[in-house]
Amino acid sequence: MDEQGVDLIDRVYEAAAIPELWPSVLSQVAKFSGSEGAVLFTIDRDDFRSVATPNLTDTVAAYVEEGWPARTDRTARLIAKRHAGFVTDLDVYTQAEFEREAVFREFFRPRGFGMGAATVVNVPTGDQLIFDIERAIAEGPIPREMVGRLDGLRPHLARAATMSARLRMQTVRAAAQALDTVGLPAAVLGRRGQILALNGGCEALLQGAIQDGRRLRLLNPAADRLLAQALAELSTEARSSVRSIPLPAREEHAPTILHLLPIRRAAEDLFAAASAIALFTPLSERPIPTLSVLEGLFDLTGAEARVARGIAECRSVAELAGDFGVTQATLRSQLKAVMRKTGVGRQAELVDLFSGRGAPAAK
């Protein structure tokens, strides 16, 4: 490995700990292989996430917007090759197939690209990461000696990707255990709603209210339908909202509310396996949470947490507005924000949520 390669390897491992460095590292990888740009993406069913060199960012966005991940078998052929190294497009397509394939004719060639090399890396989260190098069509196929240079780099790319994924998984498990220390049963969910980690309090619920599987499932059918809808919305703009789902009492288990809290910025983090935290709140009589707890659990502002606590104490809007020195219109606006963030539809449900006086029925 020459001096350029040695420096690149150092940068690759630096990016393993600091994901924000991947775009610049990918630029170096592209230069190292005599190519125009590079993309690192993860493919999991219909989920496509990526980070790219700056000159390919718009191209990748258009690739996704136009639905090309589902319109071409380019990635499927790469995965089916099962080669522990980089392969070119002409390794997975015959020349005739390459000329006919729509993704090259209609998408890449008009943009000046269409000669790529890629490799697949399996990481502990269960995802498959793909390092894709794109060369200008005018330059012709990526030469074998350049593929060899990439193959020399591949073990370091694979280790760095695996390190990033493991670091994220450690963070996931630590988050679940931290919630356990304050008595909150919780499960950290992946992008498909599957359980990645759960704490001791949540394990106790497995026999009575929830079950593990391809995704977290609730034994109550009505509640499970609400959960399925909430999980489906995690990938949309609605993903910033907390969803609260009531679970009726079952034998030794008290009525419980499941709060589905999206993990913000997870969509922008290629290695973040987690997309939400499922927080279970048994509705037994208990003290109203402190302001700091309310802020942290539901992403409330200080003013919103103060309003939430006041409503939970059964105080009126007029009374709270007078105490806080704001107009009733301002306080109602803050209350509306609280209800949106906590996923409840009525003030009475907000009181129930924080005081543990009973759960609304799942519909």
Protein backbone atom coordinates (compact mmCIF):
# COMPACT_ATOMS: atom_id res chain seq x y z
CA MET A 1 0.00 0.00 0.00
CA ASP A 2 1.48 3.35 -1.03
CA GLU A 3 1.56 6.50 1.11
CA GLN A 4 -1.79 7.68 -0.26
CA GLY A 5 -3.36 4.35 0.69
CA VAL A 6 -1.89 4.37 4.21
CA ASP A 7 -3.26 7.85 4.86
CA LEU A 8 -6.65 6.79 3.49
CA ILE A 9 -6.77 3.78 5.82
CA ASP A 10 -6.19 6.10 8.79
CA ARG A 11 -9.06 8.30 7.61
CA VAL A 12 -11.34 5.28 7.16
CA TYR A 13 -10.90 4.23 10.80
CA GLU A 14 -11.38 7.82 11.93
CA ALA A 15 -14.74 7.84 10.12
CA ALA A 16 -15.70 4.65 11.96
CA ALA A 17 -15.93 6.69 15.16
CA ILE A 18 -17.05 9.96 13.56
CA PRO A 19 -19.65 9.21 10.84
CA GLU A 20 -19.72 12.84 9.70
CA LEU A 21 -16.32 12.22 8.08
CA TRP A 22 -17.60 9.60 5.61
CA PRO A 23 -18.31 12.04 2.71
CA SER A 24 -14.72 13.29 2.70
CA VAL A 25 -13.39 9.74 3.13
CA LEU A 26 -15.50 8.56 0.20
CA SER A 27 -14.04 11.38 -1.89
CA GLN A 28 -10.58 10.05 -1.10
CA VAL A 29 -11.66 6.49 -1.95
CA ALA A 30 -12.93 7.70 -5.33
CA LYS A 31 -9.67 9.53 -6.03
CA PHE A 32 -7.69 6.48 -4.86
CA SER A 33 -9.46 4.34 -7.48
CA GLY A 34 -9.39 6.86 -10.32
CA SER A 35 -13.14 7.39 -10.17
CA GLU A 36 -15.47 10.38 -10.02
CA GLY A 37 -17.38 9.70 -6.80
CA ALA A 38 -18.53 7.14 -4.28
CA VAL A 39 -21.60 6.21 -2.26
CA LEU A 40 -21.98 4.22 0.93
CA PHE A 41 -25.51 2.96 1.36
CA THR A 42 -27.47 0.44 3.34
CA ILE A 43 -30.20 -1.65 1.83
CA ASP A 44 -32.87 -3.31 3.96
CA ARG A 45 -36.05 -4.30 2.13
CA ASP A 46 -37.48 -1.01 0.84
CA ASP A 47 -35.30 1.10 3.13
CA PHE A 48 -32.49 2.94 1.31
CA ARG A 49 -30.10 5.16 3.24
CA SER A 50 -26.91 6.65 1.94
CA VAL A 51 -24.02 9.03 2.31
CA ALA A 52 -22.20 10.19 -0.80
CA THR A 53 -19.42 12.38 -2.08
CA PRO A 54 -20.68 15.94 -2.60
CA ASN A 55 -20.70 15.60 -6.41
CA LEU A 56 -23.07 12.61 -6.20
CA THR A 57 -25.46 13.84 -3.51
CA ASP A 58 -28.04 15.18 -5.97
CA THR A 59 -27.68 12.11 -8.19
CA VAL A 60 -28.36 9.75 -5.28
CA ALA A 61 -31.38 11.82 -4.22
CA ALA A 62 -32.79 11.61 -7.74
CA TYR A 63 -32.06 7.86 -7.86
CA VAL A 64 -34.26 7.35 -4.80
CA GLU A 65 -36.98 9.84 -5.78
CA GLU A 66 -37.41 8.19 -9.18
CA GLY A 67 -37.74 4.77 -7.58
CA TRP A 68 -34.67 3.19 -9.16
CA PRO A 69 -33.82 0.97 -6.13
CA ALA A 70 -36.95 -1.04 -7.01
CA ARG A 71 -36.66 -0.65 -10.79
CA THR A 72 -33.25 -2.22 -11.31
CA ASP A 73 -31.63 -5.50 -10.27
CA ARG A 74 -28.17 -3.94 -10.13
CA THR A 75 -27.92 -4.29 -6.35
CA ALA A 76 -29.56 -7.72 -6.33
CA ARG A 77 -26.99 -9.00 -8.82
CA LEU A 78 -24.16 -7.60 -6.71
CA ILE A 79 -25.45 -9.31 -3.56
CA ALA A 80 -26.07 -12.58 -5.42
CA LYS A 81 -22.44 -12.59 -6.58
CA ARG A 82 -21.34 -13.24 -2.96
CA HIS A 83 -17.84 -12.01 -3.73
CA ALA A 84 -15.65 -10.83 -0.84
CA GLY A 85 -14.25 -7.98 -2.86
CA PHE A 86 -15.21 -5.32 -5.38
CA VAL A 87 -17.00 -6.32 -8.57
CA THR A 88 -17.70 -4.15 -11.59
CA ASP A 89 -20.93 -3.79 -13.53
CA LEU A 90 -19.43 -5.93 -16.29
CA ASP A 91 -18.79 -8.67 -13.72
CA VAL A 92 -22.54 -8.99 -13.05
CA TYR A 93 -23.92 -8.04 -16.48
CA THR A 94 -22.96 -9.31 -19.89
CA GLN A 95 -22.08 -6.56 -22.36
CA ALA A 96 -25.48 -7.01 -24.05
CA GLU A 97 -27.35 -6.87 -20.73
CA PHE A 98 -25.37 -3.81 -19.74
CA GLU A 99 -26.37 -2.01 -22.93
CA ARG A 100 -30.06 -2.89 -22.43
CA GLU A 101 -30.36 -2.22 -18.68
CA ALA A 102 -32.67 0.79 -18.14
CA VAL A 103 -30.86 2.21 -15.12
CA PHE A 104 -27.75 2.79 -17.24
CA ARG A 105 -29.56 4.00 -20.38
CA GLU A 106 -32.09 6.23 -18.67
CA PHE A 107 -30.43 7.35 -15.45
CA PHE A 108 -26.65 7.06 -15.25
CA ARG A 109 -25.49 7.74 -18.81
CA PRO A 110 -27.44 11.02 -19.19
CA ARG A 111 -25.61 12.17 -16.05
CA GLY A 112 -22.21 11.09 -17.33
CA PHE A 113 -21.89 7.99 -15.14
CA GLY A 114 -22.47 4.30 -15.69
CA MET A 115 -19.26 2.42 -14.94
CA GLY A 116 -19.24 1.28 -11.33
CA ALA A 117 -17.63 -1.12 -8.89
CA ALA A 118 -19.11 -2.12 -5.56
CA THR A 119 -18.75 -4.46 -2.60
CA VAL A 120 -21.14 -5.71 0.09
CA VAL A 121 -20.38 -5.67 3.83
CA ASN A 122 -22.63 -7.43 6.36
CA VAL A 123 -22.77 -5.64 9.72
CA PRO A 124 -24.01 -6.77 13.19
CA THR A 125 -27.30 -4.87 12.91
CA GLY A 126 -28.38 -7.27 10.18
CA ASP A 127 -28.09 -4.63 7.47
CA GLN A 128 -25.97 -4.90 4.35
CA LEU A 129 -23.74 -1.93 3.62
CA ILE A 130 -22.59 -1.34 0.07
CA PHE A 131 -19.57 0.71 -0.96
CA ASP A 132 -20.23 1.86 -4.54
CA ILE A 133 -17.60 3.57 -6.68
CA GLU A 134 -18.85 5.44 -9.76
CA ARG A 135 -16.64 6.21 -12.77
CA ALA A 136 -17.42 8.58 -15.65
CA ILE A 137 -18.85 6.72 -18.64
CA ALA A 138 -16.34 8.49 -20.89
CA GLU A 139 -13.47 6.90 -18.97
CA GLY A 140 -14.65 3.38 -19.73
CA PRO A 141 -14.74 0.39 -17.33
CA ILE A 142 -12.80 0.51 -14.09
CA PRO A 143 -9.45 -1.15 -14.83
CA ARG A 144 -8.56 -4.40 -13.08
CA GLU A 145 -5.58 -2.81 -11.36
CA MET A 146 -7.93 -0.23 -9.83
CA VAL A 147 -10.26 -3.02 -8.65
CA GLY A 148 -7.19 -4.58 -7.06
CA ARG A 149 -6.42 -1.33 -5.23
CA LEU A 150 -9.98 -1.25 -3.93
CA ASP A 151 -9.74 -4.88 -2.83
CA GLY A 152 -6.68 -3.97 -0.77
CA LEU A 153 -8.71 -1.27 0.91
CA ARG A 154 -11.84 -3.39 1.41
CA PRO A 155 -10.86 -5.13 4.70
CA HIS A 156 -10.40 -1.72 6.31
CA LEU A 157 -13.71 -0.43 4.95
CA ALA A 158 -15.45 -3.56 6.28
CA ARG A 159 -13.87 -3.26 9.73
CA ALA A 160 -14.72 0.45 9.94
CA ALA A 161 -18.35 -0.19 8.98
CA THR A 162 -18.60 -2.99 11.51
CA MET A 163 -17.07 -0.78 14.22
CA SER A 164 -19.62 1.95 13.51
CA ALA A 165 -22.51 -0.51 13.71
CA ARG A 166 -21.26 -2.03 16.97
CA LEU A 167 -20.79 1.38 18.54
CA ARG A 168 -24.39 2.23 17.69
CA MET A 169 -25.63 -1.08 19.14
CA GLN A 170 -23.76 -0.40 22.39
CA THR A 171 -25.47 2.97 22.56
CA VAL A 172 -28.84 1.28 21.99
CA ARG A 173 -28.33 -1.18 24.86
CA ALA A 174 -27.05 1.55 27.18
CA ALA A 175 -30.16 3.64 26.49
CA ALA A 176 -32.46 0.76 27.45
CA GLN A 177 -30.57 0.08 30.67
CA ALA A 178 -30.48 3.76 31.62
CA LEU A 179 -34.28 3.85 31.45
CA ASP A 180 -34.42 0.74 33.63
CA THR A 181 -32.50 2.50 36.40
CA VAL A 182 -35.32 5.04 36.74
CA GLY A 183 -38.00 2.35 36.68
CA LEU A 184 -39.19 2.79 33.11
CA PRO A 185 -39.83 -0.43 31.11
CA ALA A 186 -38.51 0.23 27.61
CA ALA A 187 -37.57 -1.44 24.35
CA VAL A 188 -35.41 0.10 21.64
CA LEU A 189 -36.82 -0.64 18.19
CA GLY A 190 -35.14 -0.98 14.82
CA ARG A 191 -36.30 0.50 11.55
CA ARG A 192 -38.78 -2.34 10.96
CA GLY A 193 -40.12 -2.16 14.52
CA GLN A 194 -38.08 -5.16 15.68
CA ILE A 195 -36.73 -5.21 19.25
CA LEU A 196 -33.01 -4.40 19.36
CA ALA A 197 -32.70 -4.14 23.13
CA LEU A 198 -35.04 -4.20 26.10
CA ASN A 199 -34.52 -3.71 29.80
CA GLY A 200 -35.58 -5.84 32.76
CA GLY A 201 -38.83 -3.99 33.31
CA CYS A 202 -39.84 -4.54 29.70
CA GLU A 203 -38.92 -8.23 29.86
CA ALA A 204 -41.50 -8.60 32.64
CA LEU A 205 -44.17 -7.43 30.19
CA LEU A 206 -43.32 -9.99 27.52
CA GLN A 207 -45.60 -12.61 29.04
CA GLY A 208 -48.53 -10.31 29.65
CA ALA A 209 -48.78 -7.60 27.03
CA ILE A 210 -46.14 -7.80 24.32
CA GLN A 211 -44.29 -10.34 22.24
CA ASP A 212 -41.10 -10.29 20.22
CA GLY A 213 -40.99 -11.23 16.55
CA ARG A 214 -40.31 -9.61 13.20
CA ARG A 215 -41.56 -6.49 14.97
CA LEU A 216 -42.75 -5.64 18.45
CA ARG A 217 -46.34 -6.88 18.76
CA LEU A 218 -49.00 -6.13 21.33
CA LEU A 219 -51.26 -8.99 22.39
CA ASN A 220 -54.28 -6.68 22.40
CA PRO A 221 -55.43 -6.57 18.72
CA ALA A 222 -56.78 -3.02 18.82
CA ALA A 223 -53.62 -1.68 20.44
CA ASP A 224 -51.44 -3.62 17.99
CA ARG A 225 -53.23 -1.99 15.05
CA LEU A 226 -52.41 1.43 16.50
CA LEU A 227 -48.79 0.37 17.00
CA ALA A 228 -48.50 -0.91 13.42
CA GLN A 229 -49.80 2.43 12.15
CA ALA A 230 -47.39 4.36 14.38
CA LEU A 231 -44.43 2.25 13.24
CA ALA A 232 -45.37 2.81 9.61
CA GLU A 233 -45.33 6.57 10.20
CA LEU A 234 -41.80 6.55 11.61
CA SER A 235 -40.37 6.92 8.10
CA THR A 236 -42.59 9.89 7.27
CA GLU A 237 -42.65 13.50 8.41
CA ALA A 238 -44.95 12.41 11.23
CA ARG A 239 -42.01 10.54 12.78
CA SER A 240 -41.23 13.52 15.03
CA SER A 241 -44.44 13.01 17.00
CA VAL A 242 -44.82 10.85 20.08
CA ARG A 243 -47.59 8.27 19.81
CA SER A 244 -49.30 7.03 22.97
CA ILE A 245 -51.16 3.71 22.82
CA PRO A 246 -53.33 2.39 25.69
CA LEU A 247 -52.96 -1.24 26.76
CA PRO A 248 -55.86 -2.64 28.84
CA ALA A 249 -55.22 -4.43 32.13
CA ARG A 250 -54.36 -8.13 31.85
CA GLU A 251 -54.47 -10.39 34.89
CA GLU A 252 -51.51 -9.32 37.03
CA HIS A 253 -50.61 -6.35 34.78
CA ALA A 254 -52.08 -2.90 35.42
CA PRO A 255 -53.40 -0.76 32.54
CA THR A 256 -50.39 0.59 30.66
CA ILE A 257 -49.67 3.25 28.09
CA LEU A 258 -47.03 2.62 25.43
CA HIS A 259 -45.27 5.79 24.32
CA LEU A 260 -43.50 5.44 20.97
CA LEU A 261 -40.73 8.04 20.95
CA PRO A 262 -38.94 8.55 17.61
CA ILE A 263 -35.16 8.77 17.78
CA ARG A 264 -34.43 12.02 16.04
CA ARG A 265 -31.80 12.25 13.31
CA ALA A 266 -31.69 8.44 13.03
CA ALA A 267 -32.74 8.76 9.40
CA GLU A 268 -29.60 10.76 8.65
CA ASP A 269 -27.29 8.29 10.40
CA LEU A 270 -26.40 5.39 8.14
CA PHE A 271 -25.29 3.23 11.06
CA ALA A 272 -28.16 4.00 13.46
CA ALA A 273 -30.08 0.75 13.72
CA ALA A 274 -32.62 2.24 16.13
CA SER A 275 -35.58 4.34 15.04
CA ALA A 276 -37.71 4.58 18.19
CA ILE A 277 -37.99 3.81 21.88
CA ALA A 278 -41.11 2.06 23.14
CA LEU A 279 -41.65 3.30 26.67
CA PHE A 280 -44.23 1.49 28.84
CA THR A 281 -45.95 3.43 31.65
CA PRO A 282 -48.07 1.29 34.01
CA LEU A 283 -51.02 3.36 35.21
CA SER A 284 -50.80 2.78 38.92
CA GLU A 285 -51.12 5.75 41.26
CA ARG A 286 -47.77 7.51 41.37
CA PRO A 287 -46.31 10.99 41.82
CA ILE A 288 -46.59 13.32 38.82
CA PRO A 289 -43.22 13.35 36.98
CA THR A 290 -40.86 16.25 37.58
CA LEU A 291 -40.42 18.99 34.99
CA SER A 292 -37.03 17.65 33.89
CA VAL A 293 -38.47 14.15 33.35
CA LEU A 294 -41.37 15.55 31.32
CA GLU A 295 -38.97 17.57 29.18
CA GLY A 296 -36.72 14.61 28.54
CA LEU A 297 -39.39 11.99 27.81
CA PHE A 298 -41.56 14.02 25.46
CA ASP A 299 -39.15 16.65 24.12
CA LEU A 300 -41.15 19.41 25.82
CA THR A 301 -39.84 22.92 26.24
CA GLY A 302 -39.57 24.24 29.79
CA ALA A 303 -42.81 26.18 29.39
CA GLU A 304 -44.61 23.17 27.93
CA ALA A 305 -43.45 20.90 30.77
CA ARG A 306 -44.72 23.45 33.29
CA VAL A 307 -48.13 23.47 31.58
CA ALA A 308 -48.21 19.66 31.43
CA ARG A 309 -47.51 19.34 35.13
CA GLY A 310 -50.12 21.97 35.96
CA ILE A 311 -52.81 20.19 33.92
CA ALA A 312 -51.84 16.88 35.53
CA GLU A 313 -52.53 18.55 38.89
CA CYS A 314 -56.06 19.28 37.61
CA ARG A 315 -55.55 23.02 37.49
CA SER A 316 -57.52 25.09 34.97
CA VAL A 317 -56.17 26.97 31.98
CA ALA A 318 -57.25 30.28 33.49
CA GLU A 319 -55.54 29.49 36.80
CA LEU A 320 -52.29 28.43 35.13
CA ALA A 321 -52.25 31.45 32.81
CA GLY A 322 -52.57 33.76 35.81
CA ASP A 323 -49.83 31.96 37.75
CA PHE A 324 -47.43 31.93 34.78
CA GLY A 325 -48.13 35.51 33.70
CA VAL A 326 -49.24 34.63 30.16
CA THR A 327 -52.49 35.00 28.27
CA GLN A 328 -54.95 32.13 28.15
CA ALA A 329 -54.42 32.01 24.37
CA THR A 330 -50.69 31.50 24.89
CA LEU A 331 -51.27 28.81 27.48
CA ARG A 332 -53.76 27.00 25.23
CA SER A 333 -51.19 27.07 22.43
CA GLN A 334 -48.61 25.52 24.77
CA LEU A 335 -51.14 22.93 25.93
CA LYS A 336 -51.91 22.04 22.31
CA ALA A 337 -48.19 21.45 21.73
CA VAL A 338 -48.01 19.23 24.84
CA MET A 339 -50.95 17.13 23.68
CA ARG A 340 -49.43 16.74 20.22
CA LYS A 341 -46.07 15.66 21.60
CA THR A 342 -47.55 13.23 24.12
CA GLY A 343 -50.01 11.75 21.64
CA VAL A 344 -53.22 12.39 23.59
CA GLY A 345 -56.42 13.92 22.24
CA ARG A 346 -58.07 15.32 25.38
CA GLN A 347 -57.00 17.08 28.58
CA ALA A 348 -58.45 14.23 30.63
CA GLU A 349 -56.16 11.78 28.86
CA LEU A 350 -53.19 14.00 29.69
CA VAL A 351 -54.17 13.88 33.38
CA ASP A 352 -54.49 10.09 33.15
CA LEU A 353 -51.15 9.78 31.44
CA PHE A 354 -49.19 11.60 34.11
CA SER A 355 -51.13 10.66 37.24
CA GLY A 356 -51.82 6.99 36.50
CA ARG A 357 -55.56 7.18 37.08
CA GLY A 358 -56.56 4.93 34.20
CA ALA A 359 -56.01 4.29 30.52
CA PRO A 360 -58.26 5.27 27.66
CA ALA A 361 -59.61 2.36 25.66
CA ALA A 362 -57.85 1.33 22.47
CA LYS A 363 -60.08 1.81 19.43
